[in-house]
Structures are given as C-alpha cells and as structure tokens.
Amino acid sequence: MLIRYGYEITLNCQQPTALVCLLSVHEDRAADIRVPETTFTAPDVPTSTYRDLFGNRCRRLVAPAGDLTIWGDATIEDDGKPDNVLPAAQELPVSELPDDCLAYLMGSRYCETDRLSQSAWDMFGAVTPGWGRVQAICDFVHDHIRFDYMQARSTRTAFEVFHERVGVCRDFAHLAVTLCRCLNIPARYINGHLGDIGVPVVD
C-alpha cells in the first residue's frame, strides 16, 4: 500500500538557534519511497542535509527568534503488516557479531549497562538464548513499568525506570534496550510516528 506521511512542527525560540532535525525516513527504506520528501519552513530559512554515523538523514538549519514552522511530506510503499515474528531466531556470540553491531552493546547516558548488568543476568541469564530471551525481556518491561504520561522526565535513565517502575514510551524502550545490551544482545530503538492505519476511529 502507499502511505503518505508528513509532519508540521512549530517551534518558538527566544533567540536564533542552531537545529539538527531527524525527521526523514531512514536510508534502509529509501528504495520504498514513491514520492520524494519535500520540506518547507516558514519563515523560509536555508537548510542543508547530511547523513550521521547511523545512516539517519539529518537536516541542519538556524531557527530565527520567534516562531518557525517546519513541514515535510512524502509517500512510501509498505505492506502495512507488523514485523515478522521469528521464534527460531538465535543469538550470536559476541565474537561472531558483525562489526557494525558492536556499537549497540555499549552503555550510554540513558542505558547504564554497568548498573543493570547483574540484575539482567540474574533475571534472564538462565533463559534460552535467542528470540525467547528477548521476548522475556520485553514482557518483563511491559509488566514491570506503569505508563504515566504525567510522570514524563527527559532525564530519566533505564536504571531509574527499573527502580521507579513508571515511565513513558521512551522509558520502556530504554529499559528493554539496556537489558538486552547487558546480555550481549545488540539493541537500539528508533523513534517514529504512531500510525493509525487499521486502527478504528474512537470518538
């Protein structure tokens, strides 16, 4: 199916502000684009693009003081189905992982593998490696964390989510990613739009 996607974002800056926007479809899906992305700003400001180390298409600009609106629009072809479920998927030993996966084993500002490693091995070390272990991690995060939009905090880390047991979407993702990385399973998450395709309209 063809899916038209886009965005309209308005920002208000107190002074001219340099921005890097990650709003485009990832390079992995470039072959599926049917109508290329067009991007506009109001007021009109110069923009440039580059690819970052992860293959994201980034747009640079300087927002003027006051309001700035950014629009984008494109069409992509997609089957609209969820990702494949592959219960037979296996884990690879770290020594056999492709080089470009190793970065996704590292700890980071939000994913404190050093602080959660022991807990991860205590909880999931005995689970058979592979799809089942990753699913067990996801199930744990789903059952352990209470979603509460009013508790959103931009500084919350996976370690804090684990102990506070509350968070928003990104907190669920950070905890699952961290637990996977603690077990030498390369993991990352990608931010995107919540699609409404096939979702009944609710009044």
N, C-alpha and C. Protein backbone atom coordinates (compact mmCIF):
# COMPACT_ATOMS: atom_id res chain seq x y z
N MET A 1 0.84 -1.18 0.00
CA MET A 1 0.00 0.00 0.00
C MET A 1 0.88 1.24 0.00
N LEU A 2 0.34 2.33 -0.51
CA LEU A 2 1.04 3.60 -0.48
C LEU A 2 0.62 4.38 0.75
N ILE A 3 1.59 4.87 1.49
CA ILE A 3 1.32 5.61 2.72
C ILE A 3 1.92 7.01 2.57
N ARG A 4 1.07 7.98 2.64
CA ARG A 4 1.55 9.36 2.63
C ARG A 4 1.82 9.75 4.07
N TYR A 5 3.01 10.23 4.32
CA TYR A 5 3.37 10.62 5.67
C TYR A 5 3.93 12.04 5.66
N GLY A 6 3.89 12.67 6.80
CA GLY A 6 4.40 14.02 6.88
C GLY A 6 4.30 14.57 8.28
N TYR A 7 4.63 15.81 8.41
CA TYR A 7 4.62 16.46 9.71
C TYR A 7 4.49 17.96 9.54
N GLU A 8 4.04 18.59 10.60
CA GLU A 8 4.03 20.06 10.71
C GLU A 8 4.38 20.36 12.15
N ILE A 9 5.52 21.00 12.34
CA ILE A 9 6.04 21.26 13.67
C ILE A 9 6.32 22.75 13.79
N THR A 10 5.82 23.37 14.85
CA THR A 10 6.10 24.78 15.10
C THR A 10 6.89 24.91 16.39
N LEU A 11 7.99 25.64 16.29
CA LEU A 11 8.86 25.90 17.44
C LEU A 11 8.89 27.40 17.71
N ASN A 12 9.11 27.75 18.96
CA ASN A 12 9.30 29.16 19.30
C ASN A 12 10.64 29.28 20.02
N CYS A 13 11.55 30.04 19.44
CA CYS A 13 12.89 30.22 20.01
C CYS A 13 13.05 31.66 20.49
N GLN A 14 13.68 31.82 21.63
CA GLN A 14 13.89 33.14 22.19
C GLN A 14 15.00 33.90 21.46
N GLN A 15 15.87 33.15 20.78
CA GLN A 15 16.98 33.75 20.04
C GLN A 15 17.32 32.81 18.89
N PRO A 16 18.08 33.27 17.90
CA PRO A 16 18.46 32.35 16.81
C PRO A 16 19.11 31.09 17.38
N THR A 17 18.64 29.93 16.90
CA THR A 17 19.04 28.65 17.49
C THR A 17 19.40 27.65 16.40
N ALA A 18 20.59 27.07 16.49
CA ALA A 18 21.00 26.03 15.54
C ALA A 18 20.25 24.75 15.85
N LEU A 19 19.68 24.12 14.82
CA LEU A 19 18.90 22.89 14.98
C LEU A 19 19.43 21.80 14.05
N VAL A 20 19.31 20.57 14.50
CA VAL A 20 19.51 19.39 13.66
C VAL A 20 18.23 18.58 13.79
N CYS A 21 17.53 18.40 12.68
CA CYS A 21 16.24 17.70 12.67
C CYS A 21 16.41 16.32 12.06
N LEU A 22 15.92 15.30 12.75
CA LEU A 22 15.91 13.93 12.24
C LEU A 22 14.46 13.56 11.99
N LEU A 23 13.96 13.88 10.81
CA LEU A 23 12.54 13.73 10.50
C LEU A 23 12.29 12.91 9.25
N SER A 24 13.33 12.41 8.62
CA SER A 24 13.19 11.70 7.36
C SER A 24 13.23 10.19 7.55
N VAL A 25 12.68 9.47 6.58
CA VAL A 25 12.74 8.01 6.59
C VAL A 25 14.19 7.57 6.51
N HIS A 26 14.53 6.52 7.24
CA HIS A 26 15.91 6.02 7.27
C HIS A 26 16.33 5.50 5.89
N GLU A 27 17.62 5.57 5.65
CA GLU A 27 18.19 5.14 4.37
C GLU A 27 17.82 3.69 4.01
N ASP A 28 17.62 2.85 5.03
CA ASP A 28 17.25 1.45 4.78
C ASP A 28 15.97 1.32 3.96
N ARG A 29 15.11 2.33 4.02
CA ARG A 29 13.82 2.27 3.31
C ARG A 29 13.79 3.17 2.09
N ALA A 30 14.93 3.70 1.68
CA ALA A 30 14.97 4.64 0.56
C ALA A 30 14.37 4.06 -0.72
N ALA A 31 14.57 2.77 -0.95
CA ALA A 31 14.05 2.15 -2.18
C ALA A 31 12.53 2.08 -2.20
N ASP A 32 11.90 2.25 -1.04
CA ASP A 32 10.44 2.17 -0.95
C ASP A 32 9.75 3.52 -1.10
N ILE A 33 10.53 4.59 -1.16
CA ILE A 33 9.95 5.93 -1.33
C ILE A 33 9.39 6.05 -2.74
N ARG A 34 8.12 6.45 -2.85
CA ARG A 34 7.47 6.60 -4.15
C ARG A 34 7.31 8.06 -4.55
N VAL A 35 7.13 8.94 -3.57
CA VAL A 35 7.12 10.39 -3.82
C VAL A 35 8.15 10.98 -2.87
N PRO A 36 9.23 11.54 -3.42
CA PRO A 36 10.31 12.04 -2.56
C PRO A 36 9.83 13.11 -1.59
N GLU A 37 10.54 13.20 -0.48
CA GLU A 37 10.19 14.16 0.56
C GLU A 37 10.40 15.59 0.09
N THR A 38 9.43 16.42 0.38
CA THR A 38 9.59 17.86 0.20
C THR A 38 9.51 18.49 1.59
N THR A 39 10.35 19.46 1.84
CA THR A 39 10.40 20.11 3.15
C THR A 39 10.36 21.62 2.95
N PHE A 40 9.56 22.27 3.79
CA PHE A 40 9.43 23.73 3.74
C PHE A 40 9.55 24.29 5.15
N THR A 41 9.98 25.52 5.24
CA THR A 41 9.98 26.22 6.52
C THR A 41 9.31 27.57 6.34
N ALA A 42 8.71 28.05 7.42
CA ALA A 42 8.14 29.40 7.41
C ALA A 42 8.50 30.05 8.75
N PRO A 43 9.25 31.15 8.72
CA PRO A 43 9.78 31.79 7.52
C PRO A 43 10.78 30.87 6.81
N ASP A 44 11.04 31.19 5.55
CA ASP A 44 11.96 30.42 4.75
C ASP A 44 13.39 30.63 5.26
N VAL A 45 14.05 29.53 5.66
CA VAL A 45 15.43 29.62 6.12
C VAL A 45 16.28 28.60 5.35
N PRO A 46 17.55 28.88 5.13
CA PRO A 46 18.41 27.91 4.43
C PRO A 46 18.56 26.64 5.26
N THR A 47 18.54 25.48 4.58
CA THR A 47 18.77 24.20 5.25
C THR A 47 19.78 23.40 4.44
N SER A 48 20.43 22.48 5.10
CA SER A 48 21.32 21.54 4.42
C SER A 48 21.14 20.18 5.08
N THR A 49 21.51 19.12 4.35
CA THR A 49 21.34 17.78 4.89
C THR A 49 22.66 17.03 4.90
N TYR A 50 22.76 16.07 5.78
CA TYR A 50 23.91 15.16 5.85
C TYR A 50 23.44 13.84 6.46
N ARG A 51 24.24 12.81 6.32
CA ARG A 51 23.96 11.52 6.94
C ARG A 51 24.84 11.37 8.17
N ASP A 52 24.24 10.97 9.30
CA ASP A 52 25.03 10.78 10.50
C ASP A 52 25.64 9.37 10.52
N LEU A 53 26.31 9.04 11.60
CA LEU A 53 27.01 7.76 11.68
C LEU A 53 26.07 6.56 11.68
N PHE A 54 24.78 6.80 11.94
CA PHE A 54 23.81 5.71 12.00
C PHE A 54 22.95 5.63 10.74
N GLY A 55 23.29 6.45 9.74
CA GLY A 55 22.54 6.42 8.48
C GLY A 55 21.30 7.29 8.47
N ASN A 56 21.09 8.09 9.50
CA ASN A 56 19.95 8.99 9.53
C ASN A 56 20.19 10.19 8.63
N ARG A 57 19.16 10.61 7.93
CA ARG A 57 19.24 11.85 7.15
C ARG A 57 18.90 13.01 8.08
N CYS A 58 19.86 13.87 8.30
CA CYS A 58 19.71 14.98 9.23
C CYS A 58 19.63 16.30 8.46
N ARG A 59 18.77 17.17 8.92
CA ARG A 59 18.62 18.49 8.28
C ARG A 59 19.07 19.56 9.26
N ARG A 60 20.03 20.38 8.84
CA ARG A 60 20.55 21.46 9.67
C ARG A 60 19.93 22.79 9.25
N LEU A 61 19.67 23.63 10.24
CA LEU A 61 19.17 24.97 9.97
C LEU A 61 19.37 25.82 11.22
N VAL A 62 19.21 27.11 11.04
CA VAL A 62 19.22 28.02 12.18
C VAL A 62 17.83 28.64 12.27
N ALA A 63 17.13 28.33 13.36
CA ALA A 63 15.80 28.89 13.58
C ALA A 63 15.94 30.33 14.03
N PRO A 64 15.18 31.24 13.43
CA PRO A 64 15.25 32.64 13.88
C PRO A 64 14.53 32.80 15.21
N ALA A 65 14.73 33.93 15.86
CA ALA A 65 13.96 34.22 17.07
C ALA A 65 12.49 34.32 16.69
N GLY A 66 11.63 33.77 17.54
CA GLY A 66 10.20 33.76 17.25
C GLY A 66 9.76 32.40 16.76
N ASP A 67 8.63 32.37 16.04
CA ASP A 67 8.07 31.10 15.57
C ASP A 67 8.75 30.63 14.29
N LEU A 68 8.94 29.31 14.19
CA LEU A 68 9.40 28.66 12.98
C LEU A 68 8.55 27.41 12.78
N THR A 69 7.98 27.25 11.60
CA THR A 69 7.21 26.05 11.29
C THR A 69 7.96 25.26 10.22
N ILE A 70 8.05 23.95 10.44
CA ILE A 70 8.70 23.03 9.50
C ILE A 70 7.65 22.04 9.02
N TRP A 71 7.53 21.93 7.69
CA TRP A 71 6.61 20.96 7.10
C TRP A 71 7.41 19.94 6.29
N GLY A 72 6.93 18.71 6.28
CA GLY A 72 7.52 17.69 5.42
C GLY A 72 6.42 16.78 4.90
N ASP A 73 6.64 16.21 3.71
CA ASP A 73 5.60 15.39 3.09
C ASP A 73 6.26 14.42 2.11
N ALA A 74 5.85 13.15 2.11
CA ALA A 74 6.38 12.16 1.17
C ALA A 74 5.42 10.98 1.13
N THR A 75 5.68 10.04 0.22
CA THR A 75 4.88 8.82 0.12
C THR A 75 5.82 7.63 0.06
N ILE A 76 5.49 6.60 0.83
CA ILE A 76 6.29 5.38 0.89
C ILE A 76 5.39 4.18 0.62
N GLU A 77 5.96 3.13 0.05
CA GLU A 77 5.22 1.89 -0.15
C GLU A 77 5.58 0.92 0.96
N ASP A 78 4.55 0.31 1.55
CA ASP A 78 4.76 -0.62 2.67
C ASP A 78 3.60 -1.59 2.69
N ASP A 79 3.83 -2.82 3.17
CA ASP A 79 2.74 -3.79 3.21
C ASP A 79 1.81 -3.55 4.40
N GLY A 80 2.20 -2.68 5.32
CA GLY A 80 1.34 -2.34 6.45
C GLY A 80 1.27 -3.40 7.51
N LYS A 81 2.03 -4.46 7.38
CA LYS A 81 1.98 -5.55 8.34
C LYS A 81 3.00 -5.34 9.46
N PRO A 82 2.73 -5.94 10.63
CA PRO A 82 3.72 -5.86 11.71
C PRO A 82 5.01 -6.58 11.31
N ASP A 83 6.07 -6.31 12.04
CA ASP A 83 7.33 -7.02 11.80
C ASP A 83 7.13 -8.52 11.94
N ASN A 84 7.94 -9.29 11.24
CA ASN A 84 7.87 -10.74 11.32
C ASN A 84 8.19 -11.22 12.73
N VAL A 85 7.49 -12.27 13.15
CA VAL A 85 7.80 -12.96 14.40
C VAL A 85 8.64 -14.18 14.03
N LEU A 86 9.83 -14.26 14.61
CA LEU A 86 10.78 -15.34 14.25
C LEU A 86 11.24 -16.07 15.51
N PRO A 87 10.39 -16.92 16.07
CA PRO A 87 10.74 -17.60 17.33
C PRO A 87 12.01 -18.43 17.26
N ALA A 88 12.42 -18.83 16.05
CA ALA A 88 13.64 -19.64 15.92
C ALA A 88 14.91 -18.79 15.82
N ALA A 89 14.77 -17.46 15.86
CA ALA A 89 15.95 -16.60 15.76
C ALA A 89 16.92 -16.89 16.90
N GLN A 90 18.19 -16.95 16.56
CA GLN A 90 19.23 -17.31 17.53
C GLN A 90 20.09 -16.10 17.88
N GLU A 91 20.75 -16.16 19.01
CA GLU A 91 21.75 -15.16 19.37
C GLU A 91 23.11 -15.62 18.84
N LEU A 92 23.92 -14.66 18.48
CA LEU A 92 25.30 -14.94 18.09
C LEU A 92 26.23 -14.61 19.25
N PRO A 93 27.28 -15.37 19.44
CA PRO A 93 28.29 -14.96 20.42
C PRO A 93 28.88 -13.60 20.00
N VAL A 94 29.34 -12.83 20.96
CA VAL A 94 29.90 -11.52 20.67
C VAL A 94 31.02 -11.63 19.63
N SER A 95 31.80 -12.68 19.70
CA SER A 95 32.93 -12.84 18.78
C SER A 95 32.49 -13.01 17.33
N GLU A 96 31.21 -13.35 17.10
CA GLU A 96 30.71 -13.56 15.75
C GLU A 96 29.81 -12.44 15.25
N LEU A 97 29.58 -11.43 16.08
CA LEU A 97 28.72 -10.32 15.67
C LEU A 97 29.39 -9.49 14.58
N PRO A 98 28.61 -9.00 13.62
CA PRO A 98 29.19 -8.08 12.62
C PRO A 98 29.73 -6.82 13.31
N ASP A 99 30.77 -6.25 12.73
CA ASP A 99 31.40 -5.08 13.32
C ASP A 99 30.42 -3.95 13.59
N ASP A 100 29.48 -3.73 12.64
CA ASP A 100 28.59 -2.59 12.80
C ASP A 100 27.53 -2.80 13.88
N CYS A 101 27.47 -3.98 14.49
CA CYS A 101 26.53 -4.23 15.59
C CYS A 101 27.15 -3.93 16.96
N LEU A 102 28.46 -3.89 17.03
CA LEU A 102 29.12 -3.78 18.33
C LEU A 102 28.77 -2.50 19.08
N ALA A 103 28.51 -1.43 18.34
CA ALA A 103 28.15 -0.16 19.00
C ALA A 103 26.86 -0.30 19.81
N TYR A 104 26.02 -1.27 19.43
CA TYR A 104 24.73 -1.43 20.10
C TYR A 104 24.80 -2.37 21.30
N LEU A 105 26.03 -2.66 21.75
CA LEU A 105 26.25 -3.36 23.01
C LEU A 105 26.70 -2.40 24.10
N MET A 106 27.05 -1.20 23.72
CA MET A 106 27.65 -0.24 24.65
C MET A 106 26.60 0.42 25.54
N GLY A 107 27.06 0.80 26.72
CA GLY A 107 26.24 1.62 27.59
C GLY A 107 26.21 3.04 27.06
N SER A 108 25.26 3.82 27.56
CA SER A 108 25.14 5.22 27.14
C SER A 108 24.53 6.02 28.28
N ARG A 109 24.32 7.28 28.01
CA ARG A 109 23.75 8.19 29.01
C ARG A 109 22.43 7.65 29.58
N TYR A 110 21.59 7.07 28.72
CA TYR A 110 20.29 6.58 29.17
C TYR A 110 20.26 5.08 29.41
N CYS A 111 21.28 4.38 28.95
CA CYS A 111 21.31 2.91 29.05
C CYS A 111 22.53 2.49 29.86
N GLU A 112 22.38 2.47 31.18
CA GLU A 112 23.51 2.20 32.07
C GLU A 112 23.71 0.69 32.24
N THR A 113 24.38 0.10 31.27
CA THR A 113 24.61 -1.34 31.31
C THR A 113 25.40 -1.75 32.54
N ASP A 114 26.31 -0.89 33.00
CA ASP A 114 27.12 -1.23 34.18
C ASP A 114 26.26 -1.35 35.44
N ARG A 115 25.20 -0.59 35.53
CA ARG A 115 24.37 -0.59 36.73
C ARG A 115 23.27 -1.65 36.70
N LEU A 116 22.95 -2.15 35.50
CA LEU A 116 21.86 -3.13 35.39
C LEU A 116 22.33 -4.52 34.97
N SER A 117 23.61 -4.67 34.71
CA SER A 117 24.12 -5.94 34.21
C SER A 117 23.81 -7.11 35.15
N GLN A 118 24.10 -6.94 36.43
CA GLN A 118 23.87 -8.05 37.37
C GLN A 118 22.40 -8.42 37.43
N SER A 119 21.53 -7.41 37.47
CA SER A 119 20.08 -7.69 37.51
C SER A 119 19.64 -8.41 36.24
N ALA A 120 20.17 -7.98 35.10
CA ALA A 120 19.79 -8.61 33.83
C ALA A 120 20.18 -10.08 33.81
N TRP A 121 21.41 -10.38 34.25
CA TRP A 121 21.86 -11.78 34.25
C TRP A 121 21.10 -12.59 35.29
N ASP A 122 20.78 -11.99 36.44
CA ASP A 122 20.01 -12.70 37.46
C ASP A 122 18.61 -13.07 36.93
N MET A 123 18.00 -12.15 36.21
CA MET A 123 16.62 -12.37 35.74
C MET A 123 16.53 -13.21 34.47
N PHE A 124 17.49 -13.01 33.54
CA PHE A 124 17.33 -13.60 32.21
C PHE A 124 18.50 -14.49 31.77
N GLY A 125 19.51 -14.62 32.61
CA GLY A 125 20.67 -15.41 32.24
C GLY A 125 20.36 -16.87 31.99
N ALA A 126 19.35 -17.40 32.68
CA ALA A 126 19.00 -18.82 32.52
C ALA A 126 17.99 -19.06 31.40
N VAL A 127 17.47 -17.99 30.81
CA VAL A 127 16.51 -18.14 29.71
C VAL A 127 17.28 -18.54 28.46
N THR A 128 16.72 -19.48 27.69
CA THR A 128 17.39 -19.95 26.48
C THR A 128 17.68 -18.77 25.57
N PRO A 129 18.94 -18.62 25.14
CA PRO A 129 19.30 -17.51 24.26
C PRO A 129 18.50 -17.52 22.96
N GLY A 130 18.25 -16.35 22.44
CA GLY A 130 17.53 -16.23 21.17
C GLY A 130 16.27 -15.39 21.33
N TRP A 131 15.35 -15.61 20.41
CA TRP A 131 14.10 -14.84 20.39
C TRP A 131 13.39 -14.88 21.73
N GLY A 132 13.33 -16.06 22.34
CA GLY A 132 12.61 -16.22 23.60
C GLY A 132 13.16 -15.35 24.71
N ARG A 133 14.47 -15.18 24.76
CA ARG A 133 15.05 -14.35 25.81
C ARG A 133 14.70 -12.88 25.58
N VAL A 134 14.76 -12.42 24.33
CA VAL A 134 14.39 -11.04 24.05
C VAL A 134 12.91 -10.81 24.35
N GLN A 135 12.07 -11.80 24.01
CA GLN A 135 10.65 -11.68 24.31
C GLN A 135 10.41 -11.63 25.81
N ALA A 136 11.18 -12.42 26.57
CA ALA A 136 11.05 -12.40 28.04
C ALA A 136 11.41 -11.02 28.59
N ILE A 137 12.43 -10.40 28.02
CA ILE A 137 12.81 -9.04 28.44
C ILE A 137 11.67 -8.07 28.14
N CYS A 138 11.14 -8.14 26.94
CA CYS A 138 10.04 -7.24 26.55
C CYS A 138 8.82 -7.45 27.45
N ASP A 139 8.50 -8.70 27.74
CA ASP A 139 7.36 -9.00 28.62
C ASP A 139 7.59 -8.45 30.01
N PHE A 140 8.82 -8.59 30.51
CA PHE A 140 9.14 -8.05 31.83
C PHE A 140 8.93 -6.54 31.87
N VAL A 141 9.47 -5.86 30.87
CA VAL A 141 9.35 -4.40 30.83
C VAL A 141 7.88 -4.00 30.76
N HIS A 142 7.11 -4.69 29.93
CA HIS A 142 5.68 -4.40 29.80
C HIS A 142 4.96 -4.56 31.14
N ASP A 143 5.29 -5.62 31.88
CA ASP A 143 4.59 -5.92 33.13
C ASP A 143 5.14 -5.14 34.32
N HIS A 144 6.41 -4.72 34.23
CA HIS A 144 7.09 -4.09 35.37
C HIS A 144 6.87 -2.58 35.44
N ILE A 145 6.68 -1.95 34.28
CA ILE A 145 6.60 -0.50 34.21
C ILE A 145 5.17 -0.04 33.99
N ARG A 146 4.76 0.96 34.76
CA ARG A 146 3.44 1.56 34.59
C ARG A 146 3.57 2.81 33.73
N PHE A 147 2.76 2.87 32.67
CA PHE A 147 2.80 4.05 31.81
C PHE A 147 2.06 5.19 32.49
N ASP A 148 2.71 6.35 32.53
CA ASP A 148 2.08 7.54 33.12
C ASP A 148 2.68 8.77 32.45
N TYR A 149 1.93 9.34 31.52
CA TYR A 149 2.42 10.50 30.78
C TYR A 149 2.76 11.65 31.70
N MET A 150 2.05 11.77 32.82
CA MET A 150 2.29 12.87 33.74
C MET A 150 3.61 12.71 34.49
N GLN A 151 4.20 11.52 34.42
CA GLN A 151 5.48 11.28 35.08
C GLN A 151 6.66 11.42 34.12
N ALA A 152 6.42 11.93 32.91
CA ALA A 152 7.50 12.07 31.91
C ALA A 152 8.61 12.96 32.46
N ARG A 153 9.84 12.54 32.18
CA ARG A 153 11.01 13.31 32.61
C ARG A 153 12.12 13.05 31.60
N SER A 154 12.64 14.09 30.99
CA SER A 154 13.61 13.92 29.91
C SER A 154 14.94 13.37 30.40
N THR A 155 15.20 13.43 31.69
CA THR A 155 16.49 12.96 32.21
C THR A 155 16.42 11.53 32.75
N ARG A 156 15.27 10.90 32.72
CA ARG A 156 15.13 9.55 33.31
C ARG A 156 15.94 8.52 32.53
N THR A 157 16.70 7.72 33.26
CA THR A 157 17.54 6.69 32.65
C THR A 157 16.91 5.31 32.84
N ALA A 158 17.46 4.32 32.16
CA ALA A 158 16.95 2.95 32.29
C ALA A 158 17.04 2.46 33.73
N PHE A 159 18.13 2.78 34.40
CA PHE A 159 18.30 2.37 35.80
C PHE A 159 17.20 2.97 36.67
N GLU A 160 16.88 4.23 36.42
CA GLU A 160 15.82 4.89 37.20
C GLU A 160 14.45 4.30 36.85
N VAL A 161 14.23 3.99 35.59
CA VAL A 161 12.96 3.36 35.19
C VAL A 161 12.80 2.02 35.91
N PHE A 162 13.87 1.24 35.94
CA PHE A 162 13.85 -0.07 36.58
C PHE A 162 13.42 0.04 38.03
N HIS A 163 13.91 1.07 38.74
CA HIS A 163 13.60 1.21 40.17
C HIS A 163 12.33 2.01 40.43
N GLU A 164 12.03 2.99 39.59
CA GLU A 164 10.82 3.81 39.80
C GLU A 164 9.57 3.10 39.31
N ARG A 165 9.73 2.19 38.35
CA ARG A 165 8.65 1.38 37.80
C ARG A 165 7.54 2.21 37.16
N VAL A 166 7.92 3.34 36.59
CA VAL A 166 6.96 4.20 35.90
C VAL A 166 7.70 4.91 34.79
N GLY A 167 6.97 5.25 33.71
CA GLY A 167 7.62 5.98 32.64
C GLY A 167 6.70 6.15 31.45
N VAL A 168 7.29 6.66 30.37
CA VAL A 168 6.57 6.86 29.12
C VAL A 168 7.26 6.01 28.04
N CYS A 169 6.81 6.12 26.81
CA CYS A 169 7.27 5.22 25.74
C CYS A 169 8.79 5.06 25.70
N ARG A 170 9.50 6.16 25.70
CA ARG A 170 10.96 6.09 25.59
C ARG A 170 11.58 5.36 26.76
N ASP A 171 10.95 5.45 27.95
CA ASP A 171 11.48 4.77 29.12
C ASP A 171 11.35 3.26 28.99
N PHE A 172 10.22 2.81 28.44
CA PHE A 172 10.05 1.37 28.18
C PHE A 172 11.15 0.90 27.23
N ALA A 173 11.37 1.67 26.17
CA ALA A 173 12.37 1.31 25.17
C ALA A 173 13.78 1.30 25.77
N HIS A 174 14.11 2.33 26.55
CA HIS A 174 15.45 2.40 27.13
C HIS A 174 15.71 1.21 28.05
N LEU A 175 14.73 0.82 28.83
CA LEU A 175 14.95 -0.30 29.74
C LEU A 175 15.12 -1.60 28.96
N ALA A 176 14.28 -1.85 27.97
CA ALA A 176 14.40 -3.08 27.18
C ALA A 176 15.74 -3.12 26.44
N VAL A 177 16.13 -2.01 25.84
CA VAL A 177 17.41 -1.94 25.13
C VAL A 177 18.57 -2.21 26.09
N THR A 178 18.52 -1.61 27.26
CA THR A 178 19.60 -1.78 28.23
C THR A 178 19.72 -3.22 28.70
N LEU A 179 18.60 -3.85 29.01
CA LEU A 179 18.65 -5.24 29.47
C LEU A 179 19.19 -6.15 28.38
N CYS A 180 18.81 -5.89 27.14
CA CYS A 180 19.38 -6.67 26.03
C CYS A 180 20.88 -6.48 25.94
N ARG A 181 21.32 -5.24 25.98
CA ARG A 181 22.76 -4.97 25.87
C ARG A 181 23.54 -5.61 27.02
N CYS A 182 22.94 -5.62 28.20
CA CYS A 182 23.60 -6.26 29.34
C CYS A 182 23.86 -7.74 29.06
N LEU A 183 23.02 -8.36 28.27
CA LEU A 183 23.13 -9.78 27.95
C LEU A 183 23.87 -10.02 26.63
N ASN A 184 24.55 -9.00 26.14
CA ASN A 184 25.32 -9.08 24.89
C ASN A 184 24.43 -9.28 23.66
N ILE A 185 23.23 -8.74 23.72
CA ILE A 185 22.31 -8.75 22.58
C ILE A 185 22.30 -7.33 22.02
N PRO A 186 22.82 -7.11 20.81
CA PRO A 186 22.81 -5.75 20.26
C PRO A 186 21.38 -5.22 20.18
N ALA A 187 21.18 -4.01 20.64
CA ALA A 187 19.83 -3.45 20.64
C ALA A 187 19.87 -1.94 20.49
N ARG A 188 18.88 -1.41 19.80
CA ARG A 188 18.67 0.03 19.68
C ARG A 188 17.19 0.24 19.46
N TYR A 189 16.75 1.46 19.61
CA TYR A 189 15.36 1.74 19.26
C TYR A 189 15.31 2.93 18.33
N ILE A 190 14.26 2.96 17.56
CA ILE A 190 14.07 4.00 16.57
C ILE A 190 12.79 4.74 16.90
N ASN A 191 12.88 6.03 16.94
CA ASN A 191 11.73 6.87 17.24
C ASN A 191 10.91 7.07 15.96
N GLY A 192 9.62 7.02 16.07
CA GLY A 192 8.79 7.20 14.89
C GLY A 192 7.39 7.65 15.26
N HIS A 193 6.58 7.75 14.24
CA HIS A 193 5.19 8.16 14.43
C HIS A 193 4.34 6.94 14.78
N LEU A 194 3.32 7.15 15.60
CA LEU A 194 2.33 6.11 15.85
C LEU A 194 1.32 6.17 14.71
N GLY A 195 1.34 5.17 13.88
CA GLY A 195 0.44 5.16 12.74
C GLY A 195 -0.99 4.84 13.16
N ASP A 196 -1.94 5.29 12.35
CA ASP A 196 -3.34 4.99 12.63
C ASP A 196 -3.95 4.09 11.56
N ILE A 197 -3.10 3.44 10.77
CA ILE A 197 -3.60 2.56 9.72
C ILE A 197 -4.19 1.30 10.35
N GLY A 198 -5.44 1.02 10.01
CA GLY A 198 -6.09 -0.17 10.54
C GLY A 198 -6.57 -0.02 11.97
N VAL A 199 -6.45 1.17 12.55
CA VAL A 199 -6.90 1.41 13.92
C VAL A 199 -8.27 2.06 13.87
N PRO A 200 -9.28 1.46 14.53
CA PRO A 200 -10.62 2.04 14.48
C PRO A 200 -10.65 3.46 15.05
N VAL A 201 -11.46 4.31 14.46
CA VAL A 201 -11.63 5.67 14.95
C VAL A 201 -12.43 5.63 16.24
N VAL A 202 -11.96 6.34 17.26
CA VAL A 202 -12.64 6.39 18.55
C VAL A 202 -13.09 7.82 18.78
N ASP A 203 -14.37 7.99 19.11
CA ASP A 203 -14.89 9.34 19.38
C ASP A 203 -14.43 9.83 20.73
